[in-house]
C-alpha atoms as a PDB file:
ATOM      1  CA  UNK A   1       0.000   0.000   0.000  1.00  0.00           C
ATOM      2  CA  UNK A   2       1.401   3.359  -1.017  1.00  0.00           C
ATOM      3  CA  UNK A   3       1.456   6.599   0.930  1.00  0.00           C
ATOM      4  CA  UNK A   4      -1.706   8.079  -0.636  1.00  0.00           C
ATOM      5  CA  UNK A   5      -3.738   5.002   0.243  1.00  0.00           C
ATOM      6  CA  UNK A   6      -2.238   4.735   3.736  1.00  0.00           C
ATOM      7  CA  UNK A   7      -3.022   8.353   4.594  1.00  0.00           C
ATOM      8  CA  UNK A   8      -6.587   8.004   3.289  1.00  0.00           C
ATOM      9  CA  UNK A   9      -7.046   4.774   5.258  1.00  0.00           C
ATOM     10  CA  UNK A  10      -5.658   6.192   8.509  1.00  0.00           C
ATOM     11  CA  UNK A  11      -7.690   9.396   8.377  1.00  0.00           C
ATOM     12  CA  UNK A  12     -10.745   7.457   7.211  1.00  0.00           C
ATOM     13  CA  UNK A  13     -10.509   5.062  10.152  1.00  0.00           C
ATOM     14  CA  UNK A  14     -10.029   7.931  12.614  1.00  0.00           C
ATOM     15  CA  UNK A  15     -12.975   9.969  11.301  1.00  0.00           C
ATOM     16  CA  UNK A  16     -15.222   6.891  11.140  1.00  0.00           C
ATOM     17  CA  UNK A  17     -14.305   5.838  14.677  1.00  0.00           C
ATOM     18  CA  UNK A  18     -14.770   9.328  16.112  1.00  0.00           C
ATOM     19  CA  UNK A  19     -18.112   9.671  14.341  1.00  0.00           C
ATOM     20  CA  UNK A  20     -19.344   6.389  15.790  1.00  0.00           C
ATOM     21  CA  UNK A  21     -17.962   7.151  19.254  1.00  0.00           C
ATOM     22  CA  UNK A  22     -19.694  10.528  19.121  1.00  0.00           C
ATOM     23  CA  UNK A  23     -23.065   8.771  18.959  1.00  0.00           C
ATOM     24  CA  UNK A  24     -22.240   6.908  22.184  1.00  0.00           C
ATOM     25  CA  UNK A  25     -20.355   9.498  24.248  1.00  0.00           C
ATOM     26  CA  UNK A  26     -21.852  12.829  25.226  1.00  0.00           C
ATOM     27  CA  UNK A  27     -20.387  16.047  23.875  1.00  0.00           C
ATOM     28  CA  UNK A  28     -17.684  17.249  24.146  1.00  0.00           C
ATOM     29  CA  UNK A  29     -15.992  14.374  22.332  1.00  0.00           C
ATOM     30  CA  UNK A  30     -12.644  13.521  23.959  1.00  0.00           C
ATOM     31  CA  UNK A  31     -13.286  16.515  26.216  1.00  0.00           C
ATOM     32  CA  UNK A  32     -12.275  18.848  23.382  1.00  0.00           C
ATOM     33  CA  UNK A  33     -14.757  18.811  20.508  1.00  0.00           C
ATOM     34  CA  UNK A  34     -18.401  19.823  20.646  1.00  0.00           C
ATOM     35  CA  UNK A  35     -20.500  17.473  18.518  1.00  0.00           C
ATOM     36  CA  UNK A  36     -24.116  16.621  17.823  1.00  0.00           C
ATOM     37  CA  UNK A  37     -25.872  13.924  15.812  1.00  0.00           C
ATOM     38  CA  UNK A  38     -25.411  15.680  12.463  1.00  0.00           C
ATOM     39  CA  UNK A  39     -21.753  16.360  13.196  1.00  0.00           C
ATOM     40  CA  UNK A  40     -21.218  12.695  14.071  1.00  0.00           C
ATOM     41  CA  UNK A  41     -22.967  11.628  10.868  1.00  0.00           C
ATOM     42  CA  UNK A  42     -20.721  13.943   8.837  1.00  0.00           C
ATOM     43  CA  UNK A  43     -17.663  12.355  10.472  1.00  0.00           C
ATOM     44  CA  UNK A  44     -18.961   8.870   9.634  1.00  0.00           C
ATOM     45  CA  UNK A  45     -19.539   9.847   5.983  1.00  0.00           C
ATOM     46  CA  UNK A  46     -16.097  11.477   5.744  1.00  0.00           C
ATOM     47  CA  UNK A  47     -14.474   8.381   7.262  1.00  0.00           C
ATOM     48  CA  UNK A  48     -16.345   6.048   4.927  1.00  0.00           C
ATOM     49  CA  UNK A  49     -15.443   8.172   1.880  1.00  0.00           C
ATOM     50  CA  UNK A  50     -11.747   8.105   2.797  1.00  0.00           C
ATOM     51  CA  UNK A  51     -11.795   4.361   3.479  1.00  0.00           C
ATOM     52  CA  UNK A  52     -13.459   3.836   0.097  1.00  0.00           C
ATOM     53  CA  UNK A  53     -10.763   6.050  -1.425  1.00  0.00           C
ATOM     54  CA  UNK A  54      -8.065   3.896   0.133  1.00  0.00           C
ATOM     55  CA  UNK A  55      -9.082   0.975  -2.102  1.00  0.00           C
ATOM     56  CA  UNK A  56      -6.925   2.301  -4.960  1.00  0.00           C
ATOM     57  CA  UNK A  57      -4.225   4.892  -5.425  1.00  0.00           C
ATOM     58  CA  UNK A  58      -6.252   6.949  -7.905  1.00  0.00           C
ATOM     59  CA  UNK A  59      -9.285   7.011  -5.603  1.00  0.00           C
ATOM     60  CA  UNK A  60      -7.119   7.852  -2.595  1.00  0.00           C
ATOM     61  CA  UNK A  61      -5.738  10.887  -4.429  1.00  0.00           C
ATOM     62  CA  UNK A  62      -9.177  12.087  -5.556  1.00  0.00           C
ATOM     63  CA  UNK A  63     -10.877  11.516  -2.200  1.00  0.00           C
ATOM     64  CA  UNK A  64      -7.993  13.093  -0.287  1.00  0.00           C
ATOM     65  CA  UNK A  65      -8.295  16.231  -2.396  1.00  0.00           C
ATOM     66  CA  UNK A  66     -12.086  16.427  -2.158  1.00  0.00           C
ATOM     67  CA  UNK A  67     -12.462  15.570   1.506  1.00  0.00           C
ATOM     68  CA  UNK A  68      -9.457  17.726   2.387  1.00  0.00           C
ATOM     69  CA  UNK A  69     -10.957  20.759   0.655  1.00  0.00           C
ATOM     70  CA  UNK A  70     -14.310  20.119   2.349  1.00  0.00           C
ATOM     71  CA  UNK A  71     -12.650  19.938   5.770  1.00  0.00           C
ATOM     72  CA  UNK A  72     -10.612  23.057   5.056  1.00  0.00           C
ATOM     73  CA  UNK A  73     -13.772  24.960   4.059  1.00  0.00           C
ATOM     74  CA  UNK A  74     -15.577  23.708   7.183  1.00  0.00           C
ATOM     75  CA  UNK A  75     -12.606  24.882   9.258  1.00  0.00           C
ATOM     76  CA  UNK A  76     -12.796  28.369   7.734  1.00  0.00           C
ATOM     77  CA  UNK A  77     -16.574  28.415   8.176  1.00  0.00           C
ATOM     78  CA  UNK A  78     -16.014  27.807  11.890  1.00  0.00           C
ATOM     79  CA  UNK A  79     -14.535  31.310  12.120  1.00  0.00           C
ATOM     80  CA  UNK A  80     -17.703  32.773  10.575  1.00  0.00           C
ATOM     81  CA  UNK A  81     -20.365  30.688  12.340  1.00  0.00           C
ATOM     82  CA  UNK A  82     -19.297  28.523  15.276  1.00  0.00           C
ATOM     83  CA  UNK A  83     -22.552  26.540  15.041  1.00  0.00           C
ATOM     84  CA  UNK A  84     -22.774  26.268  11.211  1.00  0.00           C
ATOM     85  CA  UNK A  85     -25.824  28.529  11.230  1.00  0.00           C
ATOM     86  CA  UNK A  86     -27.568  26.392  13.844  1.00  0.00           C
ATOM     87  CA  UNK A  87     -26.860  22.951  12.358  1.00  0.00           C
ATOM     88  CA  UNK A  88     -23.772  21.662  14.162  1.00  0.00           C
ATOM     89  CA  UNK A  89     -20.896  22.949  16.269  1.00  0.00           C
ATOM     90  CA  UNK A  90     -17.822  23.670  14.137  1.00  0.00           C
ATOM     91  CA  UNK A  91     -16.133  26.427  16.159  1.00  0.00           C
ATOM     92  CA  UNK A  92     -13.522  26.280  18.883  1.00  0.00           C
ATOM     93  CA  UNK A  93     -11.176  23.303  18.728  1.00  0.00           C
ATOM     94  CA  UNK A  94     -13.037  21.923  15.706  1.00  0.00           C
ATOM     95  CA  UNK A  95     -11.613  24.760  13.608  1.00  0.00           C
ATOM     96  CA  UNK A  96      -8.029  23.635  14.128  1.00  0.00           C
ATOM     97  CA  UNK A  97      -8.874  19.960  13.707  1.00  0.00           C
ATOM     98  CA  UNK A  98     -10.660  20.567  10.396  1.00  0.00           C
ATOM     99  CA  UNK A  99      -8.025  22.980   9.052  1.00  0.00           C
ATOM    100  CA  UNK A 100      -5.103  20.711   9.919  1.00  0.00           C
ATOM    101  CA  UNK A 101      -6.617  17.440   8.709  1.00  0.00           C
ATOM    102  CA  UNK A 102      -7.911  19.203   5.607  1.00  0.00           C
ATOM    103  CA  UNK A 103      -4.429  20.529   4.852  1.00  0.00           C
ATOM    104  CA  UNK A 104      -2.822  17.104   5.326  1.00  0.00           C
ATOM    105  CA  UNK A 105      -5.383  15.445   3.061  1.00  0.00           C
ATOM    106  CA  UNK A 106      -5.082  18.099   0.340  1.00  0.00           C
ATOM    107  CA  UNK A 107      -1.296  17.765   0.450  1.00  0.00           C
ATOM    108  CA  UNK A 108      -1.691  13.986   0.240  1.00  0.00           C
ATOM    109  CA  UNK A 109      -3.855  14.391  -2.846  1.00  0.00           C
ATOM    110  CA  UNK A 110      -1.556  16.927  -4.491  1.00  0.00           C
ATOM    111  CA  UNK A 111       1.897  15.522  -3.780  1.00  0.00           C
ATOM    112  CA  UNK A 112       1.077  11.857  -4.170  1.00  0.00           C
ATOM    113  CA  UNK A 113       0.454  10.663  -7.707  1.00  0.00           C
ATOM    114  CA  UNK A 114      -0.239   7.302  -9.270  1.00  0.00           C
ATOM    115  CA  UNK A 115       3.253   7.499 -10.801  1.00  0.00           C
ATOM    116  CA  UNK A 116       4.987   7.902  -7.420  1.00  0.00           C
ATOM    117  CA  UNK A 117       3.047   4.925  -6.074  1.00  0.00           C
ATOM    118  CA  UNK A 118       4.125   2.701  -8.987  1.00  0.00           C
ATOM    119  CA  UNK A 119       7.823   3.542  -8.671  1.00  0.00           C
END
């Protein structure tokens, strides 16, 4: 398994696990992140998308770029509306989590290519 697939798999597993744990444990998740049912569902979908992406190098690159950009946008939105206009909490510590994981995933999708995986 190449780097693009490994990164997608690791982040996918983390987001999926945290989304599922969020349905069981009360907010704040891990004592740091405010969540609600919609937020947990979004984490589950993000995790599943990244795990699906990890099935091939090309998919890992595409999903890393797309999910990374989505997370980066959500992170920026947290500065504008800490509760996503009443839908889910995305302010506070969530901002830094979404910005940093989004940046790592975008970098994974940009710097990893199918050619580097085949070499």
